[in-house]
Amino acid sequence: MICFVTYIIKSILPTPNKLPTTFRQILKIFGKSPTFVTKFYCNSCLTLTTKQNGQHYCTNSTCSLADLQLSKRQLTEVVTLNIREKLQSVVRRNLSLFSSHEELFPAFDIPSGARYQSTTKNVVHLITLHIHADGAPLVRSTKSAIWPCFSSIVELPPPVSCIKPDVYLFLEDIIEQLTDLSENGTTIFVNCLEFKIYVKTQLLVSDLPAKSLFMKTINFNGFVKIVHWPKSIEEIRLADKLTHYYCQTSSKVRDPRIELYSLHVHLHLPSQVLNHGGVAFTSAFCFDSAIRSIKSKPHGTKNLGSQITYWCDIDTIIPSKECEVSSPSLVSEIKLDNDLLNAYRGILAKQLNGLKQDINIIKLYVRFKDKFLTYHSFLYSKRFTCNSYLISYNDNHQQIQCAIKQA
């Protein structure tokens, strides 16, 4: 669509002109090249197709669709991004978060797990990936669906991670890149500095239907909600005892038919928390939000995967500031004569008089920001259903500042 618009604009402008009309020409202006490769496969035999005069054909002589022009429903589009390029982009924007701010990592986050500790031992400049895969419909009229494979970086703090495809076809190129990055490492450049990094994979997260697809098992249903955010080893040990007791007695309380694989996996959850951290830090919710975001990028019904990665490339070439952790601060000042304070004006005047301060130098705020968290008062117009209460804190000059704390 954007190429079509630029083509129309180019035709209106005086000639000759240098307005780019293709995706590659736009990237070339910024000194970039596409970071993804698109391949099309025949749905019948999963053979890589050939393209002639803009149409795709299956070259497998034994396929029922051999030498026939393939429609969109007969094609699978596989788009693979360059993992190294994407890692370099993320590291460049968040470099300061890799070297400090340990306080942003809660207890029993992934880095506290036994597996992470063993895989990162004696490795310099390590980047560990938390991988997620799932599917979602794109165009219901054609039954088109998207199956993105995302990843988040474990070394970054938590605030900053239809027709089903053939698994091997879907993951082959990604696994090949990850294996090479793990065994041989790679070099990235950030702020004119060269870093030799090694990439490891921590775990694969998906919902049960997607997991059954990737593990080649029959789909099963189950509900797991335990050790969501443990605060101590004792809590995990207690959860282990409760889980074993539940599994041993559940058939007596309900029915022997409950003794399925979905019940058995509960027994392994406490040990998995010790290996990989609390369940809250391996949640798929953030990836589900990413899927909803990229679903809005393509238009029409053609080359949907390429459209999505095109816009992702555009996002990365637009200059952006490096992420910095901000100091505690008050934001959104509210004036004393604001009508929102009318309901509280009596008690507010009483409290201000008790301070024995010049009322002209007193400032009130309805929000308080501390690193990646924002707290707000009842007076904030966009607080939705959250509850907040008054607190105070000491600023860098050891002066007491009034702020708000969310319940």
Protein backbone atom coordinates (compact mmCIF):
# COMPACT_ATOMS: atom_id res chain seq x y z
CA MET A 1 0.00 0.00 0.00
CA ILE A 2 2.73 2.49 0.94
CA CYS A 3 4.61 1.72 -2.28
CA PHE A 4 1.42 2.37 -4.27
CA VAL A 5 0.95 5.75 -2.54
CA THR A 6 4.57 6.79 -3.15
CA TYR A 7 4.21 5.74 -6.79
CA ILE A 8 1.18 8.05 -7.18
CA ILE A 9 3.05 10.93 -5.51
CA LYS A 10 6.12 10.32 -7.68
CA SER A 11 4.00 10.50 -10.84
CA ILE A 12 2.68 13.93 -9.77
CA LEU A 13 6.09 15.43 -8.97
CA PRO A 14 8.30 17.02 -11.65
CA THR A 15 10.50 14.54 -13.46
CA PRO A 16 13.09 13.32 -12.96
CA ASN A 17 12.79 12.94 -9.16
CA LYS A 18 14.35 10.59 -6.61
CA LEU A 19 11.28 9.73 -4.55
CA PRO A 20 11.55 6.03 -3.60
CA THR A 21 8.67 3.81 -4.69
CA THR A 22 9.73 0.38 -3.40
CA PHE A 23 10.51 -1.06 0.00
CA ARG A 24 14.18 -1.63 -0.87
CA GLN A 25 14.58 1.93 -2.14
CA ILE A 26 13.13 3.29 1.12
CA LEU A 27 15.57 1.20 3.18
CA LYS A 28 18.48 2.25 0.95
CA ILE A 29 17.90 5.91 1.87
CA PHE A 30 18.61 4.95 5.50
CA GLY A 31 21.57 2.76 4.54
CA LYS A 32 19.66 -0.39 5.44
CA SER A 33 18.80 -3.65 3.72
CA PRO A 34 15.81 -5.97 4.35
CA THR A 35 16.25 -8.07 7.47
CA PHE A 36 13.91 -10.86 6.39
CA VAL A 37 13.64 -13.58 3.76
CA THR A 38 10.29 -14.74 2.38
CA LYS A 39 9.68 -18.24 1.02
CA PHE A 40 6.51 -19.79 -0.38
CA TYR A 41 5.69 -23.50 -0.10
CA CYS A 42 3.06 -25.67 -1.72
CA ASN A 43 0.46 -26.69 0.89
CA SER A 44 0.01 -30.09 -0.73
CA CYS A 45 3.62 -31.34 -0.66
CA LEU A 46 5.48 -28.61 1.31
CA THR A 47 7.90 -28.06 -1.59
CA LEU A 48 9.48 -24.66 -2.17
CA THR A 49 7.69 -23.01 -5.09
CA THR A 50 9.07 -21.10 -8.05
CA LYS A 51 7.78 -17.73 -9.18
CA GLN A 52 7.07 -16.91 -12.82
CA ASN A 53 5.45 -13.66 -13.96
CA GLY A 54 4.30 -12.97 -10.42
CA GLN A 55 2.62 -16.40 -10.01
CA HIS A 56 3.74 -19.35 -7.88
CA TYR A 57 4.10 -22.90 -9.24
CA CYS A 58 4.88 -26.22 -7.55
CA THR A 59 7.94 -27.93 -9.05
CA ASN A 60 7.38 -31.31 -7.39
CA SER A 61 6.49 -33.68 -10.24
CA THR A 62 4.77 -36.13 -7.86
CA CYS A 63 2.52 -33.48 -6.34
CA SER A 64 -1.13 -33.25 -7.38
CA LEU A 65 -0.57 -29.52 -7.99
CA ALA A 66 2.58 -29.96 -10.07
CA ASP A 67 3.13 -27.22 -12.68
CA LEU A 68 -0.17 -25.60 -11.75
CA GLN A 69 -0.63 -21.96 -10.83
CA LEU A 70 -1.16 -21.91 -7.06
CA SER A 71 -3.79 -19.77 -5.37
CA LYS A 72 -3.31 -18.04 -2.02
CA ARG A 73 -5.08 -20.89 -0.24
CA GLN A 74 -2.63 -23.37 -1.73
CA LEU A 75 0.44 -21.51 -0.45
CA THR A 76 2.20 -21.20 2.89
CA GLU A 77 4.25 -18.03 3.32
CA VAL A 78 7.25 -18.41 5.66
CA VAL A 79 9.04 -15.19 6.63
CA THR A 80 12.29 -15.50 8.58
CA LEU A 81 13.94 -12.47 10.14
CA ASN A 82 17.67 -12.01 10.65
CA ILE A 83 18.03 -12.69 14.39
CA ARG A 84 21.44 -11.02 14.63
CA GLU A 85 20.16 -7.75 13.14
CA LYS A 86 17.16 -7.69 15.46
CA LEU A 87 19.31 -8.42 18.51
CA GLN A 88 21.65 -5.57 17.61
CA SER A 89 18.69 -3.21 17.31
CA VAL A 90 17.29 -4.21 20.73
CA VAL A 91 20.68 -4.05 22.46
CA ARG A 92 21.39 -0.61 20.99
CA ARG A 93 18.14 0.80 22.41
CA ASN A 94 18.53 -0.83 25.85
CA LEU A 95 22.29 -0.99 26.40
CA SER A 96 22.18 0.65 29.85
CA LEU A 97 19.79 -2.03 31.16
CA PHE A 98 22.23 -4.86 30.44
CA SER A 99 24.96 -3.64 32.77
CA SER A 100 23.13 -2.47 35.88
CA HIS A 101 19.77 -2.11 37.64
CA GLU A 102 19.71 -5.52 39.31
CA GLU A 103 17.01 -4.08 41.57
CA LEU A 104 14.56 -4.28 38.65
CA PHE A 105 14.69 -8.09 38.67
CA PRO A 106 12.22 -9.55 41.22
CA ALA A 107 13.01 -12.59 43.35
CA PHE A 108 12.66 -15.87 41.44
CA ASP A 109 12.80 -14.20 38.05
CA ILE A 110 14.29 -16.38 35.29
CA PRO A 111 17.96 -15.43 36.05
CA SER A 112 17.55 -16.91 39.54
CA GLY A 113 16.69 -20.36 38.13
CA ALA A 114 19.13 -23.27 38.16
CA ARG A 115 19.11 -23.67 34.36
CA TYR A 116 20.00 -20.05 33.72
CA GLN A 117 22.78 -20.17 36.31
CA SER A 118 24.32 -23.25 34.68
CA THR A 119 24.10 -22.05 31.06
CA THR A 120 25.50 -18.58 31.79
CA LYS A 121 28.44 -19.66 33.91
CA ASN A 122 31.76 -18.30 32.60
CA VAL A 123 30.11 -16.80 29.49
CA VAL A 124 30.82 -13.14 28.67
CA HIS A 125 28.22 -10.94 26.91
CA LEU A 126 25.56 -13.61 26.96
CA ILE A 127 22.08 -13.02 25.57
CA THR A 128 19.45 -15.59 26.56
CA LEU A 129 16.21 -15.87 24.62
CA HIS A 130 12.79 -16.74 26.00
CA ILE A 131 10.92 -18.11 22.96
CA HIS A 132 7.18 -18.10 22.37
CA ALA A 133 5.06 -19.41 19.50
CA ASP A 134 1.32 -19.29 18.93
CA GLY A 135 -1.25 -18.83 16.19
CA ALA A 136 -4.01 -16.35 15.46
CA PRO A 137 -6.44 -15.83 12.54
CA LEU A 138 -5.70 -12.99 10.11
CA VAL A 139 -8.31 -13.14 7.34
CA ARG A 140 -11.32 -15.24 8.30
CA SER A 141 -12.81 -15.29 4.81
CA THR A 142 -9.73 -17.12 3.48
CA LYS A 143 -8.86 -18.94 6.74
CA SER A 144 -5.46 -17.24 6.69
CA ALA A 145 -3.64 -17.38 10.01
CA ILE A 146 -0.39 -16.07 11.42
CA TRP A 147 1.99 -18.23 13.48
CA PRO A 148 4.67 -15.86 14.80
CA CYS A 149 7.69 -17.08 16.72
CA PHE A 150 8.66 -14.33 19.19
CA SER A 151 11.41 -14.08 21.76
CA SER A 152 12.24 -11.82 24.68
CA ILE A 153 15.66 -11.27 26.24
CA VAL A 154 16.03 -12.70 29.73
CA GLU A 155 18.78 -10.23 30.66
CA LEU A 156 16.34 -7.32 30.30
CA PRO A 157 14.10 -6.62 33.33
CA PRO A 158 10.45 -7.75 33.11
CA PRO A 159 8.92 -4.27 32.53
CA VAL A 160 10.89 -3.81 29.32
CA SER A 161 9.67 -10.26 27.00
CA CYS A 162 -7.20 -21.79 11.01
CA ILE A 163 -4.67 -23.93 9.17
CA LYS A 164 -1.82 -25.04 11.35
CA PRO A 165 1.66 -25.02 9.76
CA ASP A 166 4.04 -27.93 9.45
CA VAL A 167 6.34 -27.65 12.48
CA TYR A 168 9.60 -28.41 10.66
CA LEU A 169 8.73 -25.99 7.86
CA PHE A 170 7.82 -23.33 10.41
CA LEU A 171 10.88 -23.55 12.68
CA GLU A 172 13.68 -24.90 10.45
CA ASP A 173 15.30 -21.56 9.50
CA ILE A 174 14.87 -20.14 13.01
CA ILE A 175 16.49 -23.17 14.66
CA GLU A 176 19.36 -23.03 12.16
CA GLN A 177 20.09 -19.40 13.07
CA LEU A 178 19.81 -20.00 16.83
CA THR A 179 22.12 -23.02 16.66
CA ASP A 180 24.78 -21.02 14.80
CA LEU A 181 24.51 -18.08 17.24
CA SER A 182 24.84 -20.46 20.20
CA GLU A 183 27.82 -22.43 18.88
CA ASN A 184 29.77 -19.70 17.08
CA GLY A 185 28.47 -16.44 18.57
CA THR A 186 28.30 -13.21 16.59
CA THR A 187 29.60 -9.63 16.64
CA ILE A 188 27.32 -6.61 17.04
CA PHE A 189 28.15 -2.91 17.02
CA VAL A 190 26.55 -0.54 19.54
CA ASN A 191 27.63 3.10 19.89
CA CYS A 192 30.77 2.41 17.81
CA LEU A 193 31.75 -0.40 20.21
CA GLU A 194 32.17 -4.01 19.10
CA PHE A 195 30.73 -6.79 21.26
CA LYS A 196 31.19 -10.52 20.81
CA ILE A 197 27.96 -12.13 22.07
CA TYR A 198 26.68 -15.66 22.47
CA VAL A 199 22.99 -16.53 22.29
CA LYS A 200 21.35 -19.28 24.34
CA THR A 201 17.71 -20.36 24.51
CA GLN A 202 16.09 -20.65 27.93
CA LEU A 203 12.71 -22.21 27.15
CA LEU A 204 9.78 -22.33 24.71
CA VAL A 205 6.45 -20.94 25.93
CA SER A 206 3.10 -21.52 24.25
CA ASP A 207 -0.48 -22.31 25.16
CA LEU A 208 -1.60 -25.93 25.24
CA PRO A 209 -2.98 -26.17 21.68
CA ALA A 210 0.20 -24.66 20.21
CA LYS A 211 2.40 -26.81 22.45
CA SER A 212 0.65 -29.97 21.29
CA LEU A 213 1.36 -28.90 17.70
CA PHE A 214 5.09 -28.31 18.29
CA MET A 215 5.53 -31.46 20.43
CA LYS A 216 3.59 -33.63 17.93
CA THR A 217 1.17 -34.80 20.65
CA ILE A 218 -2.60 -35.07 20.86
CA ASN A 219 -4.10 -31.88 22.19
CA PHE A 220 -4.97 -31.86 25.88
CA ASN A 221 -6.60 -29.33 28.17
CA GLY A 222 -5.52 -28.41 31.67
CA PHE A 223 -5.29 -25.47 34.04
CA VAL A 224 -2.10 -24.66 35.92
CA LYS A 225 -2.00 -21.85 38.48
CA ILE A 226 0.48 -22.38 41.28
CA VAL A 227 3.77 -20.80 42.35
CA HIS A 228 2.86 -17.74 40.28
CA TRP A 229 5.36 -15.45 41.99
CA PRO A 230 7.15 -17.26 44.85
CA LYS A 231 8.92 -15.17 47.46
CA SER A 232 11.03 -17.94 49.02
CA ILE A 233 12.21 -21.54 48.66
CA GLU A 234 9.82 -22.47 51.46
CA GLU A 235 6.84 -21.41 49.34
CA ILE A 236 8.02 -23.66 46.49
CA ARG A 237 8.47 -26.59 48.87
CA LEU A 238 4.99 -26.05 50.27
CA ALA A 239 3.59 -25.93 46.73
CA ASP A 240 5.37 -29.22 45.97
CA LYS A 241 3.71 -30.93 48.95
CA LEU A 242 0.28 -29.53 48.10
CA THR A 243 0.60 -30.57 44.46
CA HIS A 244 1.52 -34.17 45.31
CA TYR A 245 -1.33 -34.39 47.81
CA TYR A 246 -3.77 -33.01 45.25
CA CYS A 247 -2.69 -35.47 42.55
CA GLN A 248 -2.89 -38.42 44.96
CA THR A 249 -6.39 -37.61 46.21
CA SER A 250 -8.09 -35.92 43.22
CA SER A 251 -9.49 -39.18 41.82
CA LYS A 252 -11.14 -39.93 45.18
CA VAL A 253 -12.79 -36.52 45.33
CA ARG A 254 -13.82 -36.40 41.67
CA ASP A 255 -13.41 -39.32 39.28
CA PRO A 256 -10.54 -41.62 38.14
CA ARG A 257 -10.93 -40.17 34.65
CA ILE A 258 -9.29 -36.97 35.92
CA GLU A 259 -5.93 -38.76 36.04
CA LEU A 260 -4.71 -37.43 32.69
CA TYR A 261 -1.45 -35.96 31.48
CA SER A 262 -2.76 -32.47 32.26
CA LEU A 263 -2.98 -33.54 35.93
CA HIS A 264 0.41 -35.24 35.93
CA VAL A 265 2.27 -32.13 34.69
CA HIS A 266 1.34 -30.38 37.95
CA LEU A 267 3.87 -32.63 39.72
CA HIS A 268 6.72 -31.14 37.70
CA LEU A 269 5.76 -27.48 38.19
CA PRO A 270 7.67 -26.79 41.45
CA SER A 271 10.89 -28.21 39.99
CA GLN A 272 10.34 -26.19 36.81
CA VAL A 273 10.00 -23.04 38.93
CA LEU A 274 13.36 -23.82 40.52
CA ASN A 275 14.86 -24.31 37.06
CA HIS A 276 13.26 -21.39 35.20
CA GLY A 277 11.87 -18.97 37.81
CA GLY A 278 8.30 -18.11 38.78
CA VAL A 279 5.38 -18.75 36.45
CA ALA A 280 4.69 -15.00 36.26
CA PHE A 281 7.99 -14.46 34.43
CA THR A 282 7.31 -17.08 31.75
CA SER A 283 3.81 -15.83 31.00
CA ALA A 284 2.52 -15.72 27.43
CA PHE A 285 0.36 -12.61 27.99
CA CYS A 286 2.95 -10.14 26.72
CA PHE A 287 3.42 -12.21 23.55
CA ASP A 288 -0.35 -12.36 23.04
CA SER A 289 -0.34 -8.55 23.11
CA ALA A 290 2.43 -8.54 20.49
CA ILE A 291 0.33 -10.81 18.25
CA ARG A 292 -2.63 -8.42 18.50
CA SER A 293 -0.30 -5.57 17.56
CA ILE A 294 1.19 -7.14 14.44
CA LYS A 295 -2.22 -8.39 13.27
CA SER A 296 -3.19 -4.78 12.60
CA LYS A 297 -0.23 -4.11 10.29
CA PRO A 298 -1.14 -5.99 7.04
CA HIS A 299 -3.93 -5.03 4.65
CA GLY A 300 -5.74 -7.09 2.06
CA THR A 301 -5.10 -10.83 1.64
CA LYS A 302 -1.76 -11.03 -0.21
CA ASN A 303 1.74 -11.53 1.24
CA LEU A 304 0.54 -10.87 4.78
CA GLY A 305 3.74 -12.13 6.43
CA SER A 306 5.94 -9.92 4.26
CA GLN A 307 3.74 -6.91 5.02
CA ILE A 308 4.11 -7.45 8.75
CA THR A 309 7.90 -7.79 8.63
CA TYR A 310 8.09 -4.79 6.30
CA TRP A 311 6.51 -2.56 8.94
CA CYS A 312 8.71 -4.11 11.64
CA ASP A 313 11.74 -3.12 9.55
CA ILE A 314 10.40 0.42 9.18
CA ASP A 315 9.97 0.63 12.98
CA THR A 316 13.61 -0.34 13.59
CA ILE A 317 15.15 2.12 11.11
CA ILE A 318 13.31 5.10 12.64
CA PRO A 319 15.78 6.68 15.10
CA SER A 320 14.77 6.15 18.73
CA LYS A 321 16.33 7.22 22.02
CA GLU A 322 18.19 4.75 24.16
CA CYS A 323 16.09 3.50 27.04
CA GLU A 324 17.09 5.05 30.37
CA VAL A 325 15.77 4.27 33.83
CA SER A 326 14.31 7.48 35.21
CA SER A 327 14.66 8.69 38.78
CA PRO A 328 11.56 8.92 41.01
CA SER A 329 9.60 12.00 40.03
CA LEU A 330 6.21 13.65 40.34
CA VAL A 331 4.27 14.33 37.15
CA SER A 332 0.93 15.82 36.08
CA GLU A 333 0.72 18.93 38.26
CA ILE A 334 -2.73 19.98 39.43
CA LYS A 335 -3.42 23.60 40.42
CA LEU A 336 -4.95 24.45 43.78
CA ASP A 337 -7.89 26.18 42.09
CA ASN A 338 -8.74 23.12 39.97
CA ASP A 339 -12.41 22.11 40.20
CA LEU A 340 -11.39 18.47 40.78
CA LEU A 341 -10.22 19.48 44.25
CA ASN A 342 -13.58 20.97 45.29
CA ALA A 343 -14.72 17.79 47.05
CA TYR A 344 -11.52 17.75 49.11
CA ARG A 345 -10.97 21.50 49.52
CA GLY A 346 -11.90 21.66 53.20
CA ILE A 347 -9.56 18.90 54.39
CA LEU A 348 -6.88 20.04 51.92
CA ALA A 349 -6.93 23.60 53.31
CA LYS A 350 -6.65 22.20 56.84
CA GLN A 351 -3.65 20.06 55.94
CA LEU A 352 -1.90 22.88 54.08
CA ASN A 353 -2.37 25.27 57.01
CA GLY A 354 -0.76 22.70 59.28
CA LEU A 355 2.38 22.65 57.14
CA LYS A 356 3.06 26.31 57.88
CA GLN A 357 4.49 26.79 54.40
CA ASP A 358 4.04 29.52 51.82
CA ILE A 359 1.03 28.27 49.84
CA ASN A 360 2.40 29.94 46.70
CA ILE A 361 5.38 27.54 46.54
CA ILE A 362 3.38 24.37 47.21
CA LYS A 363 2.72 22.18 44.17
CA LEU A 364 0.39 19.19 43.93
CA TYR A 365 0.67 16.30 41.49
CA VAL A 366 -1.68 13.46 40.62
CA ARG A 367 0.94 10.96 39.40
CA PHE A 368 4.25 9.54 40.62
CA LYS A 369 6.72 7.68 38.37
CA ASP A 370 9.36 5.33 39.73
CA LYS A 371 11.44 3.58 37.05
CA PHE A 372 8.91 1.64 34.94
CA LEU A 373 5.99 1.99 37.34
CA THR A 374 3.48 4.85 37.41
CA TYR A 375 1.27 5.45 40.44
CA HIS A 376 -1.70 7.80 40.41
CA SER A 377 -4.36 9.30 42.65
CA PHE A 378 -8.15 9.16 42.47
CA LEU A 379 -8.05 12.56 40.78
CA TYR A 380 -6.24 11.22 37.74
CA SER A 381 -8.78 11.05 34.91
CA LYS A 382 -7.39 7.88 33.29
CA ARG A 383 -6.94 5.69 36.33
CA PHE A 384 -9.71 3.25 35.28
CA THR A 385 -10.55 0.92 38.24
CA CYS A 386 -7.21 1.16 40.09
CA ASN A 387 -7.14 2.38 43.71
CA SER A 388 -4.46 4.75 44.96
CA TYR A 389 -3.39 6.24 48.28
CA LEU A 390 -1.14 9.04 49.47
CA ILE A 391 2.53 8.30 50.26
CA SER A 392 5.77 10.29 50.52
CA TYR A 393 9.40 9.71 49.59
CA ASN A 394 12.78 11.42 49.93
CA ASP A 395 14.22 13.00 46.79
CA ASN A 396 17.93 13.29 45.91
CA HIS A 397 18.24 16.27 48.27
CA GLN A 398 16.65 14.31 51.14
CA GLN A 399 13.58 16.52 50.92
CA ILE A 400 10.23 14.85 51.67
CA GLN A 401 8.01 14.77 48.57
CA CYS A 402 4.33 13.85 48.60
CA ALA A 403 3.22 11.34 45.98
CA ILE A 404 0.65 8.64 45.32
CA LYS A 405 0.81 4.88 45.76
CA GLN A 406 -1.36 2.43 43.86
CA ALA A 407 -3.05 -0.22 46.00
